[in-house]
Amino acid sequence: MKPEELANYELEKLKKKGKLTFPIDPFKILNDAGVFIVLKDFENLDGIIINDKDNCTIVGINSNNGWQRQRFTAAHEYCHFIKDLNKQEGKDDYIECLKKSNTKIENYANKFAGYLLMPTEELKVVCEQYKNKEGYIDFESITIIAEYFGVSFNSCLNRIAYDLKLIDGDISPYSLKKRMREYGVTDKRKKLIENTIDSTLLSNVVSSMSFLMADINKYTGQKFLQNYIYNDNKLEGVIIDRKELNYILADLNYNGINSNFFNNEREEVVMTLGNLELQKYVINTKDDISLKKCKHLHALLFKYVPYPDDNGKYRDGTALLKSGTVQPVAYYEINDKISELDEELQFFIKNIDNYEIGKYIEQVAYFTYKFIVIHPFRDGNGRISRAILNWLLSKKKIPPIYIDQKCRKEYLAALSRIDLENDPVPFIMFIEKRIICTMIELHKYLFVDEIDEEAFNEEEDINGG
């Protein structure tokens, strides 16, 4: 059976189980087949599949690859699972999937994965919607189509160029690669996600992702932390030069507790140090999450204020939000309201494994908004609420998000929409967009340039990797 025929056979099995939605979720397919999935820091492997003597199958996927590549690897390993792996009880078997391998068995699995994630007939249907007057597909449309299928831009481009012949102009590998570089894939993807209004597509994309966490002890995490602190400070009117911020973080990494910045009383430096403490705790902690710990988060945020009056303490007066459409609760109700909300949260956390990613994010939006309405502190509520949001995301192994100036209005408008119309969908979509943007950013730091120099010469990329 040819790779495309096998992929179509598996797709028909999915259709019989229910409505087939895109992007296809290869992780769920593996899970439904009883396969355990782990993300590992492999050096020379994209993935590996192992079946032990107890007939237990495990798939390992390279955690350093981009999320589309991880999806492709998951589909690739599923091919090995149904076609190549010896699943006989009492015997061990494994298949290592080396990077850039060109063996017959690997090429077959690559083609299968490409056709499973981006079926030819569905690709034709989608392309019909995006043809221009001349009957071709432009690069902007390919950005949308690639996101729809959850595959890399270059794999989608290759399929449309070489299988469907729908790309105008010179489509030689060298020319196509040059045109793609000039197009600027990373920036266009981020712009697409920020502007999309399709809530179902966003939810499907996020639900089908495997997540790269921000390890603040590595380059990717350090770069992300720089951007987080800079933008979160700016959101609250704490302005610090980006170069100075980077110097502060570098100095803290080098000198630790002996850094001279701990003796600095400038507000922007003090609040940067506090926000850094807060974010490091949220990203790294193994503590059980509780809204009652918001006092501890507040104390971290204001840890370096020279003369702290109320750090780690609830406000003891009325709060009035000039731009708020729903006003905070009375100060004497704060403790009870936090306890009530935390009781809901603890029940939710106990059942965390029962929530798929999309539904989980809906609950994250709910608890974040409810905390914002309580507004327990005199100052710092926005930063604490966003820290809680990221803490909740981390419990599901979803990477943190931050809000830059480009999406500030959307963030505030989404919260206002809940205030005015009790409609949480824009806020949920906002969180989903930011998660995808985080993934794009983290992978950009990993690879510097999203486009693999040899992508156009690899069979796997031509078929959907």
Protein backbone atom coordinates (compact mmCIF):
# COMPACT_ATOMS: atom_id res chain seq x y z
CA MET A 1 0.00 0.00 0.00
CA LYS A 2 1.33 3.43 -0.93
CA PRO A 3 1.86 6.04 1.86
CA GLU A 4 -1.05 8.19 0.69
CA GLU A 5 -3.38 5.17 0.54
CA LEU A 6 -2.45 4.19 4.11
CA ALA A 7 -2.93 7.77 5.31
CA ASN A 8 -6.36 7.96 3.65
CA TYR A 9 -7.29 4.63 5.23
CA GLU A 10 -6.45 6.04 8.68
CA LEU A 11 -8.38 9.25 7.91
CA GLU A 12 -11.45 7.20 7.00
CA LYS A 13 -11.19 5.49 10.40
CA LEU A 14 -11.16 8.92 12.04
CA LYS A 15 -14.20 10.02 10.03
CA LYS A 16 -16.16 7.01 11.26
CA LYS A 17 -15.43 8.04 14.86
CA GLY A 18 -16.84 11.51 14.29
CA LYS A 19 -16.41 14.75 12.39
CA LEU A 20 -12.93 15.18 10.94
CA THR A 21 -11.53 18.58 11.93
CA PHE A 22 -8.32 20.34 11.00
CA PRO A 23 -5.62 20.57 12.02
CA ILE A 24 -5.45 16.82 12.56
CA ASP A 25 -4.22 16.04 16.08
CA PRO A 26 -1.55 13.29 15.77
CA PHE A 27 -0.91 13.36 19.52
CA LYS A 28 -4.51 12.41 20.19
CA ILE A 29 -4.30 9.66 17.56
CA LEU A 30 -1.30 8.19 19.37
CA ASN A 31 -2.99 8.55 22.75
CA ASP A 32 -6.16 6.88 21.49
CA ALA A 33 -4.00 4.00 20.25
CA GLY A 34 -2.63 3.56 23.77
CA VAL A 35 0.78 5.03 22.96
CA PHE A 36 2.57 7.09 25.62
CA ILE A 37 4.23 10.31 24.41
CA VAL A 38 7.24 12.04 25.94
CA LEU A 39 9.18 15.11 24.81
CA LYS A 40 12.94 14.63 25.11
CA ASP A 41 16.03 16.72 24.41
CA PHE A 42 17.40 14.51 21.64
CA GLU A 43 20.59 15.50 19.85
CA ASN A 44 20.45 13.49 16.63
CA LEU A 45 16.89 12.18 16.60
CA ASP A 46 13.62 13.74 15.55
CA GLY A 47 11.88 10.93 17.39
CA ILE A 48 11.91 7.32 18.51
CA ILE A 49 9.27 4.65 19.03
CA ILE A 50 9.81 1.80 21.52
CA ASN A 51 7.73 -1.27 22.33
CA ASP A 52 8.81 -3.21 25.44
CA LYS A 53 8.30 -6.82 26.50
CA ASP A 54 5.05 -5.91 28.24
CA ASN A 55 3.72 -4.62 24.90
CA CYS A 56 3.80 -1.03 26.11
CA THR A 57 4.60 1.51 23.37
CA ILE A 58 6.31 4.84 23.97
CA VAL A 59 7.01 7.59 21.45
CA GLY A 60 9.75 10.11 22.17
CA ILE A 61 9.66 13.42 20.28
CA ASN A 62 12.48 15.96 20.10
CA SER A 63 11.47 18.85 22.38
CA ASN A 64 13.84 21.22 20.55
CA ASN A 65 11.91 21.04 17.28
CA GLY A 66 9.22 23.52 16.30
CA TRP A 67 5.65 22.60 17.09
CA GLN A 68 4.76 21.83 13.47
CA ARG A 69 7.81 19.58 13.29
CA GLN A 70 6.73 17.85 16.51
CA ARG A 71 3.27 17.28 15.00
CA PHE A 72 4.90 15.86 11.87
CA THR A 73 7.11 13.56 13.98
CA ALA A 74 4.07 12.33 15.94
CA ALA A 75 2.31 11.43 12.65
CA HIS A 76 5.54 9.86 11.39
CA GLU A 77 5.85 7.67 14.51
CA TYR A 78 2.20 6.65 14.18
CA CYS A 79 3.07 5.22 10.77
CA HIS A 80 5.80 3.14 12.40
CA PHE A 81 3.31 2.06 15.07
CA ILE A 82 0.73 0.70 12.65
CA LYS A 83 3.13 -0.56 9.97
CA ASP A 84 6.67 -1.30 11.17
CA LEU A 85 6.88 -1.85 14.92
CA ASN A 86 6.99 -5.38 16.31
CA LYS A 87 4.32 -5.32 19.01
CA GLN A 88 4.74 -8.93 20.09
CA GLU A 89 4.55 -9.43 23.85
CA GLY A 90 7.79 -10.71 25.33
CA LYS A 91 9.97 -8.97 22.76
CA ASP A 92 11.55 -5.52 22.66
CA ASP A 93 11.56 -3.45 19.50
CA TYR A 94 12.39 0.14 18.66
CA ILE A 95 12.85 2.42 15.67
CA GLU A 96 15.14 5.44 15.85
CA CYS A 97 14.24 8.29 13.51
CA LEU A 98 17.50 10.08 12.77
CA LYS A 99 17.47 13.68 11.56
CA LYS A 100 17.67 13.90 7.76
CA SER A 101 17.51 10.12 7.41
CA ASN A 102 16.93 8.96 3.83
CA THR A 103 16.20 5.26 4.37
CA LYS A 104 13.27 3.58 2.66
CA ILE A 105 11.33 3.04 5.90
CA GLU A 106 11.81 6.67 6.98
CA ASN A 107 10.85 8.11 3.60
CA TYR A 108 7.65 6.06 3.65
CA ALA A 109 6.76 7.33 7.15
CA ASN A 110 7.56 10.92 6.10
CA LYS A 111 5.19 10.70 3.14
CA PHE A 112 2.51 9.08 5.28
CA ALA A 113 2.78 11.89 7.85
CA GLY A 114 2.51 14.55 5.16
CA TYR A 115 -0.63 13.03 3.66
CA LEU A 116 -2.19 12.39 7.08
CA LEU A 117 -1.77 15.98 8.23
CA MET A 118 -2.48 17.54 4.84
CA PRO A 119 -4.68 15.19 2.79
CA THR A 120 -4.58 15.92 -0.93
CA GLU A 121 -8.34 16.15 -1.43
CA GLU A 122 -8.79 18.51 1.54
CA LEU A 123 -5.83 20.58 0.33
CA LYS A 124 -7.49 20.93 -3.08
CA VAL A 125 -10.77 22.03 -1.48
CA VAL A 126 -9.04 24.64 0.67
CA CYS A 127 -6.92 25.93 -2.22
CA GLU A 128 -10.06 26.52 -4.28
CA GLN A 129 -11.12 29.09 -1.66
CA TYR A 130 -7.86 31.04 -1.98
CA LYS A 131 -7.12 31.06 -5.72
CA ASN A 132 -6.57 34.53 -7.17
CA LYS A 133 -7.95 35.74 -10.50
CA GLU A 134 -5.17 33.99 -12.37
CA GLY A 135 -5.93 30.70 -10.60
CA TYR A 136 -2.82 30.72 -8.40
CA ILE A 137 -2.22 30.73 -4.64
CA ASP A 138 -0.16 33.62 -3.21
CA PHE A 139 2.18 33.41 -0.22
CA GLU A 140 -0.22 35.20 2.12
CA SER A 141 -2.86 32.57 1.43
CA ILE A 142 -0.32 29.81 2.02
CA THR A 143 0.30 31.26 5.50
CA ILE A 144 -3.40 30.78 6.25
CA ILE A 145 -3.56 27.33 4.65
CA ALA A 146 -0.48 26.11 6.55
CA GLU A 147 -2.04 27.24 9.84
CA TYR A 148 -5.28 25.48 8.91
CA PHE A 149 -3.44 22.17 8.51
CA GLY A 150 -0.95 22.80 11.32
CA VAL A 151 2.10 22.25 9.08
CA SER A 152 5.14 24.37 8.31
CA PHE A 153 4.88 27.07 5.68
CA ASN A 154 7.55 25.51 3.46
CA SER A 155 5.95 22.06 3.47
CA CYS A 156 2.61 23.59 2.51
CA LEU A 157 4.30 25.69 -0.16
CA ASN A 158 6.04 22.65 -1.61
CA ARG A 159 2.85 20.61 -1.83
CA ILE A 160 0.96 23.43 -3.51
CA ALA A 161 3.87 24.24 -5.84
CA TYR A 162 4.90 20.75 -6.88
CA ASP A 163 1.83 18.53 -6.37
CA LEU A 164 -0.93 20.97 -7.32
CA LYS A 165 1.08 23.33 -9.58
CA LEU A 166 -0.67 26.38 -8.14
CA ILE A 167 2.29 28.72 -7.50
CA ASP A 168 2.96 31.36 -10.16
CA GLY A 169 6.44 32.19 -11.42
CA ASP A 170 9.76 30.38 -10.98
CA ILE A 171 9.28 27.44 -8.63
CA SER A 172 12.75 25.95 -8.81
CA PRO A 173 13.91 25.02 -5.28
CA TYR A 174 16.47 27.85 -5.12
CA SER A 175 14.03 30.49 -6.37
CA LEU A 176 11.19 29.32 -4.14
CA LYS A 177 13.45 29.36 -1.08
CA LYS A 178 14.58 32.90 -1.93
CA ARG A 179 10.99 34.08 -2.41
CA MET A 180 10.03 32.56 0.94
CA ARG A 181 12.86 34.36 2.72
CA GLU A 182 11.85 37.67 1.17
CA TYR A 183 8.26 37.06 2.24
CA GLY A 184 9.24 36.81 5.96
CA VAL A 185 7.32 33.79 7.23
CA THR A 186 7.69 34.35 11.00
CA ASP A 187 6.35 37.92 11.01
CA LYS A 188 3.50 37.01 8.66
CA ARG A 189 2.46 34.08 10.87
CA LYS A 190 2.36 36.27 13.97
CA LYS A 191 0.32 38.89 12.12
CA LEU A 192 -2.12 36.22 10.92
CA ILE A 193 -2.65 34.87 14.44
CA GLU A 194 -3.08 38.35 15.91
CA ASN A 195 -5.72 39.26 13.33
CA THR A 196 -7.67 36.00 13.05
CA ILE A 197 -11.28 36.00 14.22
CA ASP A 198 -11.98 32.30 13.81
CA SER A 199 -12.37 30.98 17.37
CA THR A 200 -12.75 27.35 16.24
CA LEU A 201 -9.55 27.47 14.19
CA LEU A 202 -7.63 29.00 17.09
CA SER A 203 -8.91 26.39 19.52
CA ASN A 204 -8.08 23.55 17.13
CA VAL A 205 -4.57 24.88 16.51
CA VAL A 206 -3.79 25.27 20.22
CA SER A 207 -5.32 21.90 21.09
CA SER A 208 -3.15 20.13 18.51
CA MET A 209 0.11 21.69 19.66
CA SER A 210 2.83 20.14 21.75
CA PHE A 211 4.38 22.82 23.87
CA LEU A 212 7.91 24.09 24.26
CA MET A 213 8.24 25.47 27.79
CA ALA A 214 10.32 28.54 28.57
CA ASP A 215 13.37 27.25 30.43
CA ILE A 216 14.75 30.44 32.01
CA ASN A 217 18.10 28.74 32.55
CA LYS A 218 18.60 28.51 28.79
CA TYR A 219 18.95 31.07 26.02
CA THR A 220 15.36 30.68 24.83
CA GLY A 221 13.96 31.31 28.31
CA GLN A 222 16.28 34.25 28.94
CA LYS A 223 15.23 35.94 25.71
CA PHE A 224 11.57 35.32 26.48
CA LEU A 225 11.98 36.67 30.03
CA GLN A 226 13.56 39.85 28.69
CA ASN A 227 10.58 40.44 26.43
CA TYR A 228 8.10 39.53 29.17
CA ILE A 229 9.53 41.95 31.76
CA TYR A 230 9.98 44.75 29.24
CA ASN A 231 6.41 44.53 27.91
CA ASP A 232 4.73 43.82 31.25
CA ASN A 233 6.48 46.82 32.80
CA LYS A 234 5.48 49.00 29.87
CA LEU A 235 1.87 47.86 30.17
CA GLU A 236 1.83 49.32 33.69
CA GLY A 237 3.68 52.52 32.81
CA VAL A 238 7.04 51.35 34.19
CA ILE A 239 9.36 52.40 31.39
CA ILE A 240 12.88 51.02 31.22
CA ASP A 241 15.26 51.07 28.30
CA ARG A 242 15.53 47.65 26.72
CA LYS A 243 19.33 47.76 26.69
CA GLU A 244 19.41 48.61 30.39
CA LEU A 245 16.94 45.81 31.12
CA ASN A 246 19.12 43.30 29.26
CA TYR A 247 22.16 44.57 31.17
CA ILE A 248 20.32 44.15 34.50
CA LEU A 249 19.34 40.57 33.69
CA ALA A 250 22.85 39.74 32.52
CA ASP A 251 24.33 41.25 35.68
CA LEU A 252 21.92 39.30 37.90
CA ASN A 253 22.84 36.07 36.10
CA TYR A 254 26.55 36.77 36.59
CA ASN A 255 26.65 38.33 40.09
CA GLY A 256 23.52 36.84 41.68
CA ILE A 257 22.73 38.28 45.13
CA ASN A 258 25.90 40.42 44.93
CA SER A 259 24.51 42.53 42.09
CA ASN A 260 24.64 46.26 42.78
CA PHE A 261 21.18 46.66 41.27
CA PHE A 262 19.66 45.40 44.52
CA ASN A 263 20.76 48.70 46.09
CA ASN A 264 19.19 50.81 43.34
CA GLU A 265 16.09 52.81 44.38
CA ARG A 266 14.90 53.94 40.92
CA GLU A 267 11.28 52.85 40.51
CA GLU A 268 11.80 51.25 37.09
CA VAL A 269 14.75 49.20 38.40
CA VAL A 270 13.00 48.23 41.64
CA MET A 271 9.85 47.09 39.83
CA THR A 272 11.91 45.24 37.21
CA LEU A 273 13.67 43.28 39.96
CA GLY A 274 10.35 42.50 41.64
CA ASN A 275 8.64 41.44 38.43
CA LEU A 276 11.62 39.24 37.66
CA GLU A 277 11.27 37.53 41.07
CA LEU A 278 7.56 37.07 40.43
CA GLN A 279 7.97 35.54 36.97
CA LYS A 280 10.81 33.23 38.00
CA TYR A 281 8.64 31.89 40.79
CA VAL A 282 5.63 31.33 38.55
CA ILE A 283 7.66 29.64 35.80
CA ASN A 284 9.82 27.48 38.07
CA THR A 285 7.73 26.64 41.12
CA LYS A 286 6.51 23.15 41.88
CA ASP A 287 4.16 24.53 44.57
CA ASP A 288 0.48 23.73 44.36
CA ILE A 289 -1.38 26.65 42.87
CA SER A 290 -3.76 28.55 45.14
CA LEU A 291 -5.31 31.99 44.85
CA LYS A 292 -4.68 32.42 48.55
CA LYS A 293 -0.99 32.59 47.61
CA CYS A 294 -1.62 35.81 45.70
CA LYS A 295 -0.28 37.65 48.79
CA HIS A 296 3.02 35.86 48.29
CA LEU A 297 3.04 36.84 44.60
CA HIS A 298 2.37 40.44 45.59
CA ALA A 299 5.20 40.37 48.14
CA LEU A 300 7.59 39.14 45.44
CA LEU A 301 6.52 41.90 43.03
CA PHE A 302 7.19 44.61 45.64
CA LYS A 303 10.11 42.85 47.32
CA TYR A 304 12.67 45.54 46.50
CA VAL A 305 10.58 48.64 47.19
CA PRO A 306 12.71 50.68 49.67
CA TYR A 307 9.89 51.50 52.08
CA PRO A 308 7.10 48.97 51.54
CA ASP A 309 3.80 49.80 53.19
CA ASP A 310 1.43 47.15 51.91
CA ASN A 311 3.36 44.51 49.98
CA GLY A 312 1.71 41.14 50.48
CA LYS A 313 -1.37 42.77 52.06
CA TYR A 314 -4.90 43.20 50.76
CA ARG A 315 -6.12 46.74 50.27
CA ASP A 316 -7.99 48.28 53.20
CA GLY A 317 -9.97 50.83 51.25
CA THR A 318 -12.31 51.27 48.30
CA ALA A 319 -10.84 50.87 44.83
CA LEU A 320 -12.24 52.81 41.91
CA LEU A 321 -11.22 51.99 38.36
CA LYS A 322 -11.67 55.07 36.19
CA SER A 323 -11.80 53.05 32.97
CA GLY A 324 -13.50 50.03 34.49
CA THR A 325 -17.03 49.04 33.53
CA VAL A 326 -17.28 46.64 36.49
CA GLN A 327 -15.94 47.95 39.79
CA PRO A 328 -13.91 45.85 42.27
CA VAL A 329 -15.50 44.22 45.30
CA ALA A 330 -15.57 46.07 48.64
CA TYR A 331 -12.33 45.72 50.59
CA TYR A 332 -14.02 43.91 53.48
CA GLU A 333 -15.21 41.18 51.06
CA ILE A 334 -11.80 40.46 49.54
CA ASN A 335 -10.77 37.62 51.85
CA ASP A 336 -14.10 35.79 51.46
CA LYS A 337 -14.18 36.29 47.68
CA ILE A 338 -10.62 34.99 47.28
CA SER A 339 -11.49 31.94 49.41
CA GLU A 340 -14.64 31.23 47.40
CA LEU A 341 -12.82 31.51 44.09
CA ASP A 342 -9.95 29.40 45.35
CA GLU A 343 -12.38 26.66 46.38
CA GLU A 344 -13.60 26.56 42.77
CA LEU A 345 -10.00 26.54 41.56
CA GLN A 346 -8.99 23.61 43.76
CA PHE A 347 -11.87 21.51 42.43
CA PHE A 348 -10.82 22.45 38.90
CA ILE A 349 -7.16 21.55 39.50
CA LYS A 350 -8.11 18.16 40.95
CA ASN A 351 -9.79 17.38 37.63
CA ILE A 352 -7.11 18.95 35.44
CA ASP A 353 -6.45 15.74 33.48
CA ASN A 354 -10.08 15.64 32.34
CA TYR A 355 -9.73 18.90 30.41
CA GLU A 356 -8.52 19.06 26.85
CA ILE A 357 -6.36 22.09 26.07
CA GLY A 358 -9.14 24.22 24.57
CA LYS A 359 -11.50 23.68 27.52
CA TYR A 360 -8.65 24.18 29.96
CA ILE A 361 -7.86 27.60 28.48
CA GLU A 362 -11.52 28.57 28.85
CA GLN A 363 -11.21 27.91 32.58
CA VAL A 364 -7.92 29.82 32.77
CA ALA A 365 -9.70 32.82 31.26
CA TYR A 366 -12.53 32.43 33.79
CA PHE A 367 -10.30 32.36 36.89
CA THR A 368 -8.09 35.18 35.62
CA TYR A 369 -11.05 37.45 35.00
CA LYS A 370 -12.69 36.65 38.33
CA PHE A 371 -9.46 37.52 40.13
CA ILE A 372 -9.23 40.82 38.23
CA VAL A 373 -12.74 41.75 39.37
CA ILE A 374 -11.84 41.11 43.02
CA HIS A 375 -8.86 43.49 42.62
CA PRO A 376 -7.43 42.57 46.03
CA PHE A 377 -4.44 44.93 46.17
CA ARG A 378 -3.95 48.66 46.13
CA ASP A 379 -1.38 48.30 43.34
CA GLY A 380 -0.02 45.54 41.14
CA ASN A 381 -3.29 43.72 40.41
CA GLY A 382 -2.70 43.55 36.65
CA ARG A 383 0.76 42.05 37.01
CA ILE A 384 -0.45 39.58 39.65
CA SER A 385 -3.43 38.51 37.51
CA ARG A 386 -1.14 37.86 34.53
CA ALA A 387 1.25 35.91 36.76
CA ILE A 388 -1.68 33.76 37.95
CA LEU A 389 -2.73 33.25 34.33
CA ASN A 390 0.77 31.98 33.48
CA TRP A 391 0.90 29.86 36.64
CA LEU A 392 -2.35 28.20 35.57
CA LEU A 393 -1.00 27.62 32.06
CA SER A 394 2.15 26.03 33.48
CA LYS A 395 0.08 23.45 35.37
CA LYS A 396 -1.01 22.08 31.99
CA LYS A 397 2.54 22.46 30.65
CA ILE A 398 1.47 25.36 28.41
CA PRO A 399 4.12 28.09 27.96
CA PRO A 400 3.65 31.57 29.45
CA ILE A 401 2.35 34.56 27.53
CA TYR A 402 2.93 38.28 27.69
CA ILE A 403 1.08 41.33 26.38
CA ASP A 404 2.95 43.78 24.17
CA GLN A 405 1.81 47.20 23.03
CA LYS A 406 0.46 45.82 19.74
CA CYS A 407 -2.15 43.69 21.51
CA ARG A 408 -2.81 45.94 24.55
CA LYS A 409 -6.05 47.33 23.14
CA GLU A 410 -7.30 43.84 22.26
CA TYR A 411 -6.51 42.66 25.81
CA LEU A 412 -8.42 45.52 27.44
CA ALA A 413 -11.29 45.26 24.94
CA ALA A 414 -11.61 41.51 25.62
CA LEU A 415 -11.88 42.12 29.38
CA SER A 416 -14.39 44.91 28.78
CA ARG A 417 -16.47 42.55 26.62
CA ILE A 418 -16.88 40.26 29.63
CA ASP A 419 -17.81 43.25 31.78
CA LEU A 420 -20.43 44.60 29.39
CA GLU A 421 -21.82 41.49 27.66
CA ASN A 422 -20.68 38.56 29.82
CA ASP A 423 -18.96 37.26 26.69
CA PRO A 424 -15.66 35.48 27.50
CA VAL A 425 -14.90 34.33 23.92
CA PRO A 426 -12.70 37.32 22.92
CA PHE A 427 -10.60 36.87 26.07
CA ILE A 428 -10.26 33.13 25.47
CA MET A 429 -9.24 33.79 21.86
CA PHE A 430 -6.79 36.42 23.04
CA ILE A 431 -5.05 33.93 25.35
CA GLU A 432 -4.94 31.32 22.55
CA LYS A 433 -3.39 33.82 20.16
CA ARG A 434 -0.73 34.78 22.69
CA ILE A 435 0.12 31.11 23.34
CA ILE A 436 0.70 30.57 19.62
CA CYS A 437 2.78 33.76 19.44
CA THR A 438 4.88 32.51 22.37
CA MET A 439 5.51 29.24 20.54
CA ILE A 440 6.53 31.13 17.40
CA GLU A 441 8.85 33.32 19.46
CA LEU A 442 10.48 30.47 21.40
CA HIS A 443 11.10 28.48 18.24
CA LYS A 444 12.52 31.56 16.53
CA TYR A 445 15.09 31.81 19.32
CA LEU A 446 15.91 28.14 18.91
CA PHE A 447 16.53 28.33 15.19
CA VAL A 448 17.23 32.06 14.70
CA ASP A 449 15.83 31.68 11.20
CA GLU A 450 12.65 29.63 10.85
CA ILE A 451 13.55 28.42 7.37
CA ASP A 452 15.80 25.37 7.24
CA GLU A 453 18.53 25.91 4.65
CA GLU A 454 18.14 22.38 3.34
CA ALA A 455 14.37 22.14 3.67
CA PHE A 456 13.75 22.17 -0.06
CA ASN A 457 16.04 19.22 -0.65
CA GLU A 458 14.43 16.97 1.93
CA GLU A 459 11.74 14.45 1.08
CA GLU A 460 10.13 14.95 4.49
CA ASP A 461 9.55 18.67 3.96
CA ILE A 462 8.13 18.17 0.50
CA ASN A 463 5.57 15.87 2.07
CA GLY A 464 4.49 17.92 5.05
CA GLY A 465 7.21 18.21 7.71
